[in-house]
Amino acid sequence: MAEETREVRGRLPKNLKIAFEIACARLELTQTAALEEAIKEWLKKHESTSSDK
């Protein structure tokens, strides 16, 4: 059975969005996969920081 998914929305500066699209295309990676990877890394960084407080 496929994992249930949810939509995430946000707004970025135009130049950052274009750079992201280009990087994903060059890496032959979907934007969804790249965002999932980035969010996981962000959570790792901030979960370890918040547990130190």
C-alpha atoms as a PDB file:
ATOM      1  CA  MET A   1       0.000   0.000   0.000  1.00  0.00           C
ATOM      2  CA  ALA A   2       1.315   3.437  -0.928  1.00  0.00           C
ATOM      3  CA  GLU A   3       2.211   5.883   1.816  1.00  0.00           C
ATOM      4  CA  GLU A   4      -0.406   8.582   2.374  1.00  0.00           C
ATOM      5  CA  THR A   5       0.792  12.009   1.285  1.00  0.00           C
ATOM      6  CA  ARG A   6      -0.179  15.586   2.077  1.00  0.00           C
ATOM      7  CA  GLU A   7       0.411  18.817   0.198  1.00  0.00           C
ATOM      8  CA  VAL A   8       2.797  21.480   1.524  1.00  0.00           C
ATOM      9  CA  ARG A   9       2.645  25.037   0.232  1.00  0.00           C
ATOM     10  CA  GLY A  10       4.922  28.027   0.530  1.00  0.00           C
ATOM     11  CA  ARG A  11       6.189  31.068  -1.309  1.00  0.00           C
ATOM     12  CA  LEU A  12       9.794  31.619  -2.401  1.00  0.00           C
ATOM     13  CA  PRO A  13      11.655  34.423  -4.120  1.00  0.00           C
ATOM     14  CA  LYS A  14      11.418  33.997  -7.898  1.00  0.00           C
ATOM     15  CA  ASN A  15      15.174  33.474  -8.389  1.00  0.00           C
ATOM     16  CA  LEU A  16      15.285  30.731  -5.738  1.00  0.00           C
ATOM     17  CA  LYS A  17      12.332  28.900  -7.307  1.00  0.00           C
ATOM     18  CA  ILE A  18      13.919  29.033 -10.764  1.00  0.00           C
ATOM     19  CA  ALA A  19      17.270  27.805  -9.420  1.00  0.00           C
ATOM     20  CA  PHE A  20      15.461  24.944  -7.649  1.00  0.00           C
ATOM     21  CA  GLU A  21      13.617  23.929 -10.837  1.00  0.00           C
ATOM     22  CA  ILE A  22      16.850  23.967 -12.840  1.00  0.00           C
ATOM     23  CA  ALA A  23      18.761  21.957 -10.215  1.00  0.00           C
ATOM     24  CA  CYS A  24      16.008  19.324 -10.059  1.00  0.00           C
ATOM     25  CA  ALA A  25      15.953  19.030 -13.846  1.00  0.00           C
ATOM     26  CA  ARG A  26      19.744  18.682 -14.045  1.00  0.00           C
ATOM     27  CA  LEU A  27      19.688  15.976 -11.373  1.00  0.00           C
ATOM     28  CA  GLU A  28      16.686  14.280 -13.005  1.00  0.00           C
ATOM     29  CA  LEU A  29      14.946  14.508  -9.644  1.00  0.00           C
ATOM     30  CA  THR A  30      11.325  15.419  -9.032  1.00  0.00           C
ATOM     31  CA  GLN A  31      10.695  18.578  -7.064  1.00  0.00           C
ATOM     32  CA  THR A  32       8.691  16.483  -4.602  1.00  0.00           C
ATOM     33  CA  ALA A  33      11.666  14.201  -3.951  1.00  0.00           C
ATOM     34  CA  ALA A  34      14.015  17.164  -3.549  1.00  0.00           C
ATOM     35  CA  LEU A  35      11.646  18.910  -1.143  1.00  0.00           C
ATOM     36  CA  GLU A  36      11.202  15.729   0.895  1.00  0.00           C
ATOM     37  CA  GLU A  37      14.981  15.371   1.188  1.00  0.00           C
ATOM     38  CA  ALA A  38      15.407  19.037   2.152  1.00  0.00           C
ATOM     39  CA  ILE A  39      12.672  18.883   4.789  1.00  0.00           C
ATOM     40  CA  LYS A  40      14.126  15.713   6.325  1.00  0.00           C
ATOM     41  CA  GLU A  41      17.555  17.374   6.565  1.00  0.00           C
ATOM     42  CA  TRP A  42      16.016  20.541   8.055  1.00  0.00           C
ATOM     43  CA  LEU A  43      14.171  18.462  10.664  1.00  0.00           C
ATOM     44  CA  LYS A  44      17.342  16.566  11.599  1.00  0.00           C
ATOM     45  CA  LYS A  45      19.193  19.840  12.079  1.00  0.00           C
ATOM     46  CA  HIS A  46      16.487  21.503  14.139  1.00  0.00           C
ATOM     47  CA  GLU A  47      15.415  18.485  16.158  1.00  0.00           C
ATOM     48  CA  SER A  48      18.984  17.967  17.399  1.00  0.00           C
ATOM     49  CA  THR A  49      19.290  21.691  18.171  1.00  0.00           C
ATOM     50  CA  SER A  50      16.004  21.872  20.072  1.00  0.00           C
ATOM     51  CA  SER A  51      16.826  18.778  22.176  1.00  0.00           C
ATOM     52  CA  ASP A  52      20.054  20.472  23.341  1.00  0.00           C
ATOM     53  CA  LYS A  53      18.121  23.307  25.001  1.00  0.00           C
END
